[in-house]
Amino acid sequence: LLRLRKAAQGDANVLYPMREALAARATVGEVCDALRSTW
């Protein structure tokens, strides 16, 4: 989720860190919260 937030802060593609977070068993809500906290 930290890697996802860092990707969302810049111009990086968030798809790959998002997939990693979901593969680590983060919930969809946690992923959305990570993006929401940045964007």
Full PDB file with SEQRES, HELIX, SHEET, SSBOND, CRYST1, ORIGX, SCALE, CONECT and MASTER records, all heavy atoms in Angstrom:
SEQRES   1 A   39  LEU LEU ARG LEU ARG LYS ALA ALA GLN GLY ASP ALA ASN          
SEQRES   2 A   39  VAL LEU TYR PRO MET ARG GLU ALA LEU ALA ALA ARG ALA          
SEQRES   3 A   39  THR VAL GLY GLU VAL CYS ASP ALA LEU ARG SER THR TRP          
HELIX    1 AA1 LEU A    2  GLN A    9  1                                   8    
HELIX    2 AA2 LEU A   15  ALA A   23  1                                   9    
HELIX    3 AA3 VAL A   28  THR A   38  1                                  11    
CRYST1    1.000    1.000    1.000  90.00  90.00  90.00 P 1           1          
ORIGX1      1.000000  0.000000  0.000000        0.00000                         
ORIGX2      0.000000  1.000000  0.000000        0.00000                         
ORIGX3      0.000000  0.000000  1.000000        0.00000                         
SCALE1      1.000000  0.000000  0.000000        0.00000                         
SCALE2      0.000000  1.000000  0.000000        0.00000                         
SCALE3      0.000000  0.000000  1.000000        0.00000                         
ATOM      1  N   LEU A   1       0.839  -1.213   0.000  1.00  0.00           N  
ATOM      2  CA  LEU A   1       0.000   0.000   0.000  1.00  0.00           C  
ATOM      3  C   LEU A   1       0.869   1.256   0.000  1.00  0.00           C  
ATOM      4  O   LEU A   1       0.512   2.261  -0.632  1.00  0.00           O  
ATOM      5  CB  LEU A   1      -0.953  -0.008   1.196  1.00  0.00           C  
ATOM      6  CG  LEU A   1      -2.080  -1.040   1.128  1.00  0.00           C  
ATOM      7  CD1 LEU A   1      -2.840  -1.102   2.451  1.00  0.00           C  
ATOM      8  CD2 LEU A   1      -3.027  -0.740  -0.024  1.00  0.00           C  
ATOM      9  N   LEU A   2       2.028   1.213   0.674  1.00  0.00           N  
ATOM     10  CA  LEU A   2       2.954   2.344   0.660  1.00  0.00           C  
ATOM     11  C   LEU A   2       3.502   2.572  -0.748  1.00  0.00           C  
ATOM     12  O   LEU A   2       3.572   3.715  -1.225  1.00  0.00           O  
ATOM     13  CB  LEU A   2       4.096   2.094   1.647  1.00  0.00           C  
ATOM     14  CG  LEU A   2       5.137   3.209   1.750  1.00  0.00           C  
ATOM     15  CD1 LEU A   2       4.487   4.504   2.248  1.00  0.00           C  
ATOM     16  CD2 LEU A   2       6.250   2.791   2.690  1.00  0.00           C  
ATOM     17  N   ARG A   3       3.874   1.480  -1.442  1.00  0.00           N  
ATOM     18  CA  ARG A   3       4.348   1.608  -2.835  1.00  0.00           C  
ATOM     19  C   ARG A   3       3.240   2.182  -3.727  1.00  0.00           C  
ATOM     20  O   ARG A   3       3.511   2.988  -4.624  1.00  0.00           O  
ATOM     21  CB  ARG A   3       4.822   0.259  -3.363  1.00  0.00           C  
ATOM     22  CG  ARG A   3       6.176  -0.159  -2.820  1.00  0.00           C  
ATOM     23  CD  ARG A   3       6.755  -1.352  -3.573  1.00  0.00           C  
ATOM     24  NE  ARG A   3       5.932  -2.547  -3.465  1.00  0.00           N  
ATOM     25  CZ  ARG A   3       6.007  -3.425  -2.467  1.00  0.00           C  
ATOM     26  NH1 ARG A   3       6.864  -3.240  -1.481  1.00  0.00           N  
ATOM     27  NH2 ARG A   3       5.231  -4.483  -2.447  1.00  0.00           N  
ATOM     28  N   LEU A   4       2.005   1.791  -3.476  1.00  0.00           N  
ATOM     29  CA  LEU A   4       0.885   2.329  -4.248  1.00  0.00           C  
ATOM     30  C   LEU A   4       0.741   3.832  -4.011  1.00  0.00           C  
ATOM     31  O   LEU A   4       0.563   4.604  -4.953  1.00  0.00           O  
ATOM     32  CB  LEU A   4      -0.408   1.594  -3.884  1.00  0.00           C  
ATOM     33  CG  LEU A   4      -1.687   2.114  -4.530  1.00  0.00           C  
ATOM     34  CD1 LEU A   4      -1.612   2.034  -6.055  1.00  0.00           C  
ATOM     35  CD2 LEU A   4      -2.890   1.337  -4.011  1.00  0.00           C  
ATOM     36  N   ARG A   5       0.821   4.249  -2.750  1.00  0.00           N  
ATOM     37  CA  ARG A   5       0.716   5.691  -2.442  1.00  0.00           C  
ATOM     38  C   ARG A   5       1.838   6.476  -3.128  1.00  0.00           C  
ATOM     39  O   ARG A   5       1.596   7.560  -3.671  1.00  0.00           O  
ATOM     40  CB  ARG A   5       0.776   5.913  -0.931  1.00  0.00           C  
ATOM     41  CG  ARG A   5      -0.512   5.658  -0.231  1.00  0.00           C  
ATOM     42  CD  ARG A   5      -0.459   6.105   1.237  1.00  0.00           C  
ATOM     43  NE  ARG A   5      -1.488   5.421   1.986  1.00  0.00           N  
ATOM     44  CZ  ARG A   5      -1.317   4.279   2.649  1.00  0.00           C  
ATOM     45  NH1 ARG A   5      -0.144   3.702   2.696  1.00  0.00           N  
ATOM     46  NH2 ARG A   5      -2.330   3.719   3.276  1.00  0.00           N  
ATOM     47  N   LYS A   6       3.066   5.941  -3.090  1.00  0.00           N  
ATOM     48  CA  LYS A   6       4.192   6.627  -3.724  1.00  0.00           C  
ATOM     49  C   LYS A   6       3.993   6.749  -5.226  1.00  0.00           C  
ATOM     50  O   LYS A   6       4.293   7.776  -5.829  1.00  0.00           O  
ATOM     51  CB  LYS A   6       5.500   5.899  -3.406  1.00  0.00           C  
ATOM     52  CG  LYS A   6       5.968   6.137  -1.989  1.00  0.00           C  
ATOM     53  CD  LYS A   6       7.291   5.452  -1.724  1.00  0.00           C  
ATOM     54  CE  LYS A   6       7.736   5.696  -0.296  1.00  0.00           C  
ATOM     55  NZ  LYS A   6       9.008   5.027   0.003  1.00  0.00           N  
ATOM     56  N   ALA A   7       3.495   5.696  -5.849  1.00  0.00           N  
ATOM     57  CA  ALA A   7       3.229   5.744  -7.292  1.00  0.00           C  
ATOM     58  C   ALA A   7       2.147   6.769  -7.599  1.00  0.00           C  
ATOM     59  O   ALA A   7       2.232   7.494  -8.598  1.00  0.00           O  
ATOM     60  CB  ALA A   7       2.816   4.362  -7.795  1.00  0.00           C  
ATOM     61  N   ALA A   8       1.140   6.848  -6.743  1.00  0.00           N  
ATOM     62  CA  ALA A   8       0.039   7.786  -6.969  1.00  0.00           C  
ATOM     63  C   ALA A   8       0.471   9.235  -6.773  1.00  0.00           C  
ATOM     64  O   ALA A   8      -0.134  10.145  -7.342  1.00  0.00           O  
ATOM     65  CB  ALA A   8      -1.121   7.455  -6.032  1.00  0.00           C  
ATOM     66  N   GLN A   9       1.530   9.465  -5.998  1.00  0.00           N  
ATOM     67  CA  GLN A   9       2.001  10.831  -5.756  1.00  0.00           C  
ATOM     68  C   GLN A   9       2.703  11.418  -6.978  1.00  0.00           C  
ATOM     69  O   GLN A   9       2.770  12.624  -7.130  1.00  0.00           O  
ATOM     70  CB  GLN A   9       2.945  10.859  -4.557  1.00  0.00           C  
ATOM     71  CG  GLN A   9       2.235  10.652  -3.245  1.00  0.00           C  
ATOM     72  CD  GLN A   9       3.195  10.450  -2.078  1.00  0.00           C  
ATOM     73  OE1 GLN A   9       4.405  10.330  -2.267  1.00  0.00           O  
ATOM     74  NE2 GLN A   9       2.635  10.393  -0.889  1.00  0.00           N  
ATOM     75  N   GLY A  10       3.231  10.567  -7.830  1.00  0.00           N  
ATOM     76  CA  GLY A  10       3.942  11.044  -9.013  1.00  0.00           C  
ATOM     77  C   GLY A  10       3.162  10.745 -10.274  1.00  0.00           C  
ATOM     78  O   GLY A  10       1.929  10.654 -10.273  1.00  0.00           O  
ATOM     79  N   ASP A  11       3.913  10.558 -11.343  1.00  0.00           N  
ATOM     80  CA  ASP A  11       3.300  10.260 -12.646  1.00  0.00           C  
ATOM     81  C   ASP A  11       3.390   8.776 -12.990  1.00  0.00           C  
ATOM     82  O   ASP A  11       3.145   8.389 -14.128  1.00  0.00           O  
ATOM     83  CB  ASP A  11       3.982  11.068 -13.752  1.00  0.00           C  
ATOM     84  CG  ASP A  11       3.679  12.549 -13.630  1.00  0.00           C  
ATOM     85  OD1 ASP A  11       2.631  12.890 -13.056  1.00  0.00           O  
ATOM     86  OD2 ASP A  11       4.499  13.365 -14.102  1.00  0.00           O  
ATOM     87  N   ALA A  12       3.759   7.952 -12.019  1.00  0.00           N  
ATOM     88  CA  ALA A  12       3.940   6.523 -12.281  1.00  0.00           C  
ATOM     89  C   ALA A  12       2.587   5.844 -12.525  1.00  0.00           C  
ATOM     90  O   ALA A  12       1.538   6.312 -12.082  1.00  0.00           O  
ATOM     91  CB  ALA A  12       4.647   5.857 -11.098  1.00  0.00           C  
ATOM     92  N   ASN A  13       2.666   4.726 -13.196  1.00  0.00           N  
ATOM     93  CA  ASN A  13       1.486   3.903 -13.438  1.00  0.00           C  
ATOM     94  C   ASN A  13       1.114   3.212 -12.122  1.00  0.00           C  
ATOM     95  O   ASN A  13       1.928   2.509 -11.531  1.00  0.00           O  
ATOM     96  CB  ASN A  13       1.820   2.869 -14.515  1.00  0.00           C  
ATOM     97  CG  ASN A  13       0.630   2.042 -14.927  1.00  0.00           C  
ATOM     98  OD1 ASN A  13      -0.397   2.018 -14.262  1.00  0.00           O  
ATOM     99  ND2 ASN A  13       0.767   1.345 -16.041  1.00  0.00           N  
ATOM    100  N   VAL A  14      -0.105   3.410 -11.651  1.00  0.00           N  
ATOM    101  CA  VAL A  14      -0.519   2.827 -10.366  1.00  0.00           C  
ATOM    102  C   VAL A  14      -1.045   1.403 -10.520  1.00  0.00           C  
ATOM    103  O   VAL A  14      -1.272   0.730  -9.521  1.00  0.00           O  
ATOM    104  CB  VAL A  14      -1.582   3.703  -9.660  1.00  0.00           C  
ATOM    105  CG1 VAL A  14      -1.010   5.055  -9.308  1.00  0.00           C  
ATOM    106  CG2 VAL A  14      -2.843   3.818 -10.475  1.00  0.00           C  
ATOM    107  N   LEU A  15      -1.200   0.925 -11.743  1.00  0.00           N  
ATOM    108  CA  LEU A  15      -1.772  -0.402 -11.949  1.00  0.00           C  
ATOM    109  C   LEU A  15      -0.915  -1.497 -11.320  1.00  0.00           C  
ATOM    110  O   LEU A  15      -1.427  -2.369 -10.616  1.00  0.00           O  
ATOM    111  CB  LEU A  15      -1.968  -0.683 -13.441  1.00  0.00           C  
ATOM    112  CG  LEU A  15      -2.514  -2.068 -13.773  1.00  0.00           C  
ATOM    113  CD1 LEU A  15      -3.912  -2.247 -13.178  1.00  0.00           C  
ATOM    114  CD2 LEU A  15      -2.538  -2.297 -15.265  1.00  0.00           C  
ATOM    115  N   TYR A  16       0.386  -1.438 -11.536  1.00  0.00           N  
ATOM    116  CA  TYR A  16       1.241  -2.516 -11.040  1.00  0.00           C  
ATOM    117  C   TYR A  16       1.323  -2.531  -9.511  1.00  0.00           C  
ATOM    118  O   TYR A  16       1.176  -3.597  -8.906  1.00  0.00           O  
ATOM    119  CB  TYR A  16       2.621  -2.446 -11.696  1.00  0.00           C  
ATOM    120  CG  TYR A  16       2.508  -2.611 -13.198  1.00  0.00           C  
ATOM    121  CD1 TYR A  16       2.742  -1.546 -14.051  1.00  0.00           C  
ATOM    122  CD2 TYR A  16       2.119  -3.826 -13.744  1.00  0.00           C  
ATOM    123  CE1 TYR A  16       2.603  -1.692 -15.427  1.00  0.00           C  
ATOM    124  CE2 TYR A  16       1.979  -3.982 -15.112  1.00  0.00           C  
ATOM    125  CZ  TYR A  16       2.225  -2.909 -15.953  1.00  0.00           C  
ATOM    126  OH  TYR A  16       2.076  -3.059 -17.298  1.00  0.00           O  
ATOM    127  N   PRO A  17       1.531  -1.388  -8.851  1.00  0.00           N  
ATOM    128  CA  PRO A  17       1.509  -1.426  -7.385  1.00  0.00           C  
ATOM    129  C   PRO A  17       0.132  -1.801  -6.833  1.00  0.00           C  
ATOM    130  O   PRO A  17       0.024  -2.438  -5.783  1.00  0.00           O  
ATOM    131  CB  PRO A  17       1.897  -0.014  -6.957  1.00  0.00           C  
ATOM    132  CG  PRO A  17       2.362   0.688  -8.155  1.00  0.00           C  
ATOM    133  CD  PRO A  17       1.973  -0.102  -9.356  1.00  0.00           C  
ATOM    134  N   MET A  18      -0.907  -1.451  -7.546  1.00  0.00           N  
ATOM    135  CA  MET A  18      -2.259  -1.832  -7.118  1.00  0.00           C  
ATOM    136  C   MET A  18      -2.416  -3.348  -7.184  1.00  0.00           C  
ATOM    137  O   MET A  18      -2.949  -3.974  -6.256  1.00  0.00           O  
ATOM    138  CB  MET A  18      -3.313  -1.152  -8.003  1.00  0.00           C  
ATOM    139  CG  MET A  18      -4.739  -1.373  -7.550  1.00  0.00           C  
ATOM    140  SD  MET A  18      -5.982  -0.661  -8.666  1.00  0.00           S  
ATOM    141  CE  MET A  18      -5.468   1.019  -8.789  1.00  0.00           C  
ATOM    142  N   ARG A  19      -1.947  -3.955  -8.258  1.00  0.00           N  
ATOM    143  CA  ARG A  19      -2.014  -5.416  -8.391  1.00  0.00           C  
ATOM    144  C   ARG A  19      -1.199  -6.094  -7.299  1.00  0.00           C  
ATOM    145  O   ARG A  19      -1.614  -7.112  -6.750  1.00  0.00           O  
ATOM    146  CB  ARG A  19      -1.531  -5.838  -9.773  1.00  0.00           C  
ATOM    147  CG  ARG A  19      -2.531  -5.472 -10.867  1.00  0.00           C  
ATOM    148  CD  ARG A  19      -2.036  -5.820 -12.237  1.00  0.00           C  
ATOM    149  NE  ARG A  19      -1.836  -7.274 -12.338  1.00  0.00           N  
ATOM    150  CZ  ARG A  19      -1.248  -7.862 -13.359  1.00  0.00           C  
ATOM    151  NH1 ARG A  19      -0.786  -7.140 -14.353  1.00  0.00           N  
ATOM    152  NH2 ARG A  19      -1.106  -9.165 -13.385  1.00  0.00           N  
ATOM    153  N   GLU A  20      -0.039  -5.529  -6.972  1.00  0.00           N  
ATOM    154  CA  GLU A  20       0.793  -6.087  -5.905  1.00  0.00           C  
ATOM    155  C   GLU A  20       0.077  -6.020  -4.560  1.00  0.00           C  
ATOM    156  O   GLU A  20       0.138  -6.965  -3.769  1.00  0.00           O  
ATOM    157  CB  GLU A  20       2.123  -5.346  -5.821  1.00  0.00           C  
ATOM    158  CG  GLU A  20       3.053  -5.599  -6.989  1.00  0.00           C  
ATOM    159  CD  GLU A  20       4.280  -4.706  -6.947  1.00  0.00           C  
ATOM    160  OE1 GLU A  20       4.526  -4.043  -5.912  1.00  0.00           O  
ATOM    161  OE2 GLU A  20       5.004  -4.662  -7.958  1.00  0.00           O  
ATOM    162  N   ALA A  21      -0.568  -4.906  -4.298  1.00  0.00           N  
ATOM    163  CA  ALA A  21      -1.295  -4.754  -3.031  1.00  0.00           C  
ATOM    164  C   ALA A  21      -2.437  -5.763  -2.943  1.00  0.00           C  
ATOM    165  O   ALA A  21      -2.650  -6.391  -1.903  1.00  0.00           O  
ATOM    166  CB  ALA A  21      -1.820  -3.327  -2.888  1.00  0.00           C  
ATOM    167  N   LEU A  22      -3.159  -5.936  -4.034  1.00  0.00           N  
ATOM    168  CA  LEU A  22      -4.258  -6.905  -4.033  1.00  0.00           C  
ATOM    169  C   LEU A  22      -3.737  -8.335  -3.916  1.00  0.00           C  
ATOM    170  O   LEU A  22      -4.347  -9.166  -3.241  1.00  0.00           O  
ATOM    171  CB  LEU A  22      -5.117  -6.729  -5.285  1.00  0.00           C  
ATOM    172  CG  LEU A  22      -5.902  -5.411  -5.357  1.00  0.00           C  
ATOM    173  CD1 LEU A  22      -6.486  -5.214  -6.745  1.00  0.00           C  
ATOM    174  CD2 LEU A  22      -6.975  -5.359  -4.291  1.00  0.00           C  
ATOM    175  N   ALA A  23      -2.592  -8.613  -4.540  1.00  0.00           N  
ATOM    176  CA  ALA A  23      -1.996  -9.938  -4.432  1.00  0.00           C  
ATOM    177  C   ALA A  23      -1.523 -10.215  -3.008  1.00  0.00           C  
ATOM    178  O   ALA A  23      -1.533 -11.359  -2.555  1.00  0.00           O  
ATOM    179  CB  ALA A  23      -0.838 -10.074  -5.411  1.00  0.00           C  
ATOM    180  N   ALA A  24      -1.142  -9.148  -2.283  1.00  0.00           N  
ATOM    181  CA  ALA A  24      -0.735  -9.297  -0.878  1.00  0.00           C  
ATOM    182  C   ALA A  24      -1.953  -9.407   0.034  1.00  0.00           C  
ATOM    183  O   ALA A  24      -1.809  -9.508   1.239  1.00  0.00           O  
ATOM    184  CB  ALA A  24       0.143  -8.114  -0.466  1.00  0.00           C  
ATOM    185  N   ARG A  25      -3.121  -9.389  -0.543  1.00  0.00           N  
ATOM    186  CA  ARG A  25      -4.407  -9.530   0.158  1.00  0.00           C  
ATOM    187  C   ARG A  25      -4.898  -8.242   0.802  1.00  0.00           C  
ATOM    188  O   ARG A  25      -5.633  -8.271   1.781  1.00  0.00           O  
ATOM    189  CB  ARG A  25      -4.382 -10.657   1.184  1.00  0.00           C  
ATOM    190  CG  ARG A  25      -4.121 -12.023   0.602  1.00  0.00           C  
ATOM    191  CD  ARG A  25      -5.265 -12.412  -0.313  1.00  0.00           C  
ATOM    192  NE  ARG A  25      -5.090 -13.779  -0.801  1.00  0.00           N  
ATOM    193  CZ  ARG A  25      -5.107 -14.092  -2.085  1.00  0.00           C  
ATOM    194  NH1 ARG A  25      -5.284 -13.170  -2.987  1.00  0.00           N  
ATOM    195  NH2 ARG A  25      -4.970 -15.329  -2.474  1.00  0.00           N  
ATOM    196  N   ALA A  26      -4.513  -7.084   0.244  1.00  0.00           N  
ATOM    197  CA  ALA A  26      -5.148  -5.833   0.653  1.00  0.00           C  
ATOM    198  C   ALA A  26      -6.574  -5.865   0.126  1.00  0.00           C  
ATOM    199  O   ALA A  26      -6.843  -6.453  -0.929  1.00  0.00           O  
ATOM    200  CB  ALA A  26      -4.396  -4.633   0.073  1.00  0.00           C  
ATOM    201  N   THR A  27      -7.481  -5.269   0.841  1.00  0.00           N  
ATOM    202  CA  THR A  27      -8.867  -5.237   0.373  1.00  0.00           C  
ATOM    203  C   THR A  27      -9.025  -4.114  -0.652  1.00  0.00           C  
ATOM    204  O   THR A  27      -8.205  -3.196  -0.728  1.00  0.00           O  
ATOM    205  CB  THR A  27      -9.842  -5.001   1.538  1.00  0.00           C  
ATOM    206  OG1 THR A  27      -9.620  -3.698   2.082  1.00  0.00           O  
ATOM    207  CG2 THR A  27      -9.687  -6.054   2.624  1.00  0.00           C  
ATOM    208  N   VAL A  28     -10.090  -4.178  -1.414  1.00  0.00           N  
ATOM    209  CA  VAL A  28     -10.383  -3.122  -2.392  1.00  0.00           C  
ATOM    210  C   VAL A  28     -10.570  -1.801  -1.650  1.00  0.00           C  
ATOM    211  O   VAL A  28     -10.117  -0.746  -2.107  1.00  0.00           O  
ATOM    212  CB  VAL A  28     -11.628  -3.483  -3.230  1.00  0.00           C  
ATOM    213  CG1 VAL A  28     -12.044  -2.317  -4.105  1.00  0.00           C  
ATOM    214  CG2 VAL A  28     -11.350  -4.712  -4.077  1.00  0.00           C  
ATOM    215  N   GLY A  29     -11.194  -1.848  -0.495  1.00  0.00           N  
ATOM    216  CA  GLY A  29     -11.383  -0.633   0.305  1.00  0.00           C  
ATOM    217  C   GLY A  29     -10.058  -0.026   0.734  1.00  0.00           C  
ATOM    218  O   GLY A  29      -9.891   1.198   0.717  1.00  0.00           O  
ATOM    219  N   GLU A  30      -9.088  -0.860   1.120  1.00  0.00           N  
ATOM    220  CA  GLU A  30      -7.776  -0.351   1.517  1.00  0.00           C  
ATOM    221  C   GLU A  30      -7.043   0.263   0.331  1.00  0.00           C  
ATOM    222  O   GLU A  30      -6.380   1.298   0.469  1.00  0.00           O  
ATOM    223  CB  GLU A  30      -6.944  -1.479   2.137  1.00  0.00           C  
ATOM    224  CG  GLU A  30      -7.460  -1.913   3.494  1.00  0.00           C  
ATOM    225  CD  GLU A  30      -6.821  -3.190   4.003  1.00  0.00           C  
ATOM    226  OE1 GLU A  30      -6.496  -4.082   3.171  1.00  0.00           O  
ATOM    227  OE2 GLU A  30      -6.658  -3.292   5.228  1.00  0.00           O  
ATOM    228  N   VAL A  31      -7.164  -0.346  -0.837  1.00  0.00           N  
ATOM    229  CA  VAL A  31      -6.552   0.202  -2.037  1.00  0.00           C  
ATOM    230  C   VAL A  31      -7.181   1.552  -2.375  1.00  0.00           C  
ATOM    231  O   VAL A  31      -6.486   2.532  -2.656  1.00  0.00           O  
ATOM    232  CB  VAL A  31      -6.674  -0.787  -3.221  1.00  0.00           C  
ATOM    233  CG1 VAL A  31      -6.299  -0.126  -4.537  1.00  0.00           C  
ATOM    234  CG2 VAL A  31      -5.823  -2.020  -2.967  1.00  0.00           C  
ATOM    235  N   CYS A  32      -8.505   1.620  -2.311  1.00  0.00           N  
ATOM    236  CA  CYS A  32      -9.192   2.886  -2.595  1.00  0.00           C  
ATOM    237  C   CYS A  32      -8.814   3.956  -1.577  1.00  0.00           C  
ATOM    238  O   CYS A  32      -8.613   5.122  -1.933  1.00  0.00           O  
ATOM    239  CB  CYS A  32     -10.709   2.675  -2.598  1.00  0.00           C  
ATOM    240  SG  CYS A  32     -11.292   1.713  -3.985  1.00  0.00           S  
ATOM    241  N   ASP A  33      -8.689   3.576  -0.302  1.00  0.00           N  
ATOM    242  CA  ASP A  33      -8.284   4.530   0.729  1.00  0.00           C  
ATOM    243  C   ASP A  33      -6.874   5.065   0.457  1.00  0.00           C  
ATOM    244  O   ASP A  33      -6.605   6.255   0.659  1.00  0.00           O  
ATOM    245  CB  ASP A  33      -8.335   3.887   2.114  1.00  0.00           C  
ATOM    246  CG  ASP A  33      -9.757   3.694   2.619  1.00  0.00           C  
ATOM    247  OD1 ASP A  33     -10.685   4.341   2.083  1.00  0.00           O  
ATOM    248  OD2 ASP A  33      -9.935   2.897   3.565  1.00  0.00           O  
ATOM    249  N   ALA A  34      -5.973   4.191   0.004  1.00  0.00           N  
ATOM    250  CA  ALA A  34      -4.609   4.623  -0.305  1.00  0.00           C  
ATOM    251  C   ALA A  34      -4.616   5.656  -1.432  1.00  0.00           C  
ATOM    252  O   ALA A  34      -3.921   6.673  -1.359  1.00  0.00           O  
ATOM    253  CB  ALA A  34      -3.746   3.422  -0.673  1.00  0.00           C  
ATOM    254  N   LEU A  35      -5.401   5.399  -2.463  1.00  0.00           N  
ATOM    255  CA  LEU A  35      -5.481   6.352  -3.579  1.00  0.00           C  
ATOM    256  C   LEU A  35      -6.188   7.628  -3.153  1.00  0.00           C  
ATOM    257  O   LEU A  35      -5.781   8.736  -3.515  1.00  0.00           O  
ATOM    258  CB  LEU A  35      -6.193   5.705  -4.768  1.00  0.00           C  
ATOM    259  CG  LEU A  35      -5.471   4.527  -5.406  1.00  0.00           C  
ATOM    260  CD1 LEU A  35      -6.331   3.878  -6.476  1.00  0.00           C  
ATOM    261  CD2 LEU A  35      -4.129   4.966  -5.976  1.00  0.00           C  
ATOM    262  N   ARG A  36      -7.246   7.488  -2.371  1.00  0.00           N  
ATOM    263  CA  ARG A  36      -8.004   8.641  -1.896  1.00  0.00           C  
ATOM    264  C   ARG A  36      -7.136   9.530  -1.008  1.00  0.00           C  
ATOM    265  O   ARG A  36      -7.241  10.759  -1.058  1.00  0.00           O  
ATOM    266  CB  ARG A  36      -9.240   8.152  -1.142  1.00  0.00           C  
ATOM    267  CG  ARG A  36     -10.353   9.145  -1.065  1.00  0.00           C  
ATOM    268  CD  ARG A  36     -11.595   8.567  -0.381  1.00  0.00           C  
ATOM    269  NE  ARG A  36     -12.191   7.488  -1.150  1.00  0.00           N  
ATOM    270  CZ  ARG A  36     -12.326   6.230  -0.732  1.00  0.00           C  
ATOM    271  NH1 ARG A  36     -11.932   5.871   0.467  1.00  0.00           N  
ATOM    272  NH2 ARG A  36     -12.879   5.322  -1.497  1.00  0.00           N  
ATOM    273  N   SER A  37      -6.271   8.924  -0.194  1.00  0.00           N  
ATOM    274  CA  SER A  37      -5.419   9.720   0.699  1.00  0.00           C  
ATOM    275  C   SER A  37      -4.412  10.544  -0.096  1.00  0.00           C  
ATOM    276  O   SER A  37      -3.950  11.583   0.368  1.00  0.00           O  
ATOM    277  CB  SER A  37      -4.693   8.812   1.692  1.00  0.00           C  
ATOM    278  OG  SER A  37      -3.704   8.044   1.046  1.00  0.00           O  
ATOM    279  N   THR A  38      -4.079  10.094  -1.293  1.00  0.00           N  
ATOM    280  CA  THR A  38      -3.133  10.820  -2.137  1.00  0.00           C  
ATOM    281  C   THR A  38      -3.841  11.783  -3.080  1.00  0.00           C  
ATOM    282  O   THR A  38      -3.457  12.939  -3.204  1.00  0.00           O  
ATOM    283  CB  THR A  38      -2.294   9.826  -2.972  1.00  0.00           C  
ATOM    284  OG1 THR A  38      -1.664   8.914  -2.075  1.00  0.00           O  
ATOM    285  CG2 THR A  38      -1.252  10.538  -3.786  1.00  0.00           C  
ATOM    286  N   TRP A  39      -4.867  11.318  -3.724  1.00  0.00           N  
ATOM    287  CA  TRP A  39      -5.539  12.112  -4.749  1.00  0.00           C  
ATOM    288  C   TRP A  39      -6.711  12.923  -4.216  1.00  0.00           C  
ATOM    289  O   TRP A  39      -7.173  13.847  -4.885  1.00  0.00           O  
ATOM    290  CB  TRP A  39      -6.054  11.214  -5.874  1.00  0.00           C  
ATOM    291  CG  TRP A  39      -4.979  10.574  -6.685  1.00  0.00           C  
ATOM    292  CD1 TRP A  39      -3.686  10.968  -6.819  1.00  0.00           C  
ATOM    293  CD2 TRP A  39      -5.119   9.410  -7.505  1.00  0.00           C  
ATOM    294  NE1 TRP A  39      -3.008  10.140  -7.659  1.00  0.00           N  
ATOM    295  CE2 TRP A  39      -3.859   9.166  -8.108  1.00  0.00           C  
ATOM    296  CE3 TRP A  39      -6.161   8.569  -7.804  1.00  0.00           C  
ATOM    297  CZ2 TRP A  39      -3.645   8.121  -8.985  1.00  0.00           C  
ATOM    298  CZ3 TRP A  39      -5.957   7.518  -8.664  1.00  0.00           C  
ATOM    299  CH2 TRP A  39      -4.702   7.289  -9.253  1.00  0.00           C  
TER     300      TRP A  39                                                      
MASTER        0    0    0    3    0    0    0    6  299    1    0    3          
END                                                                             
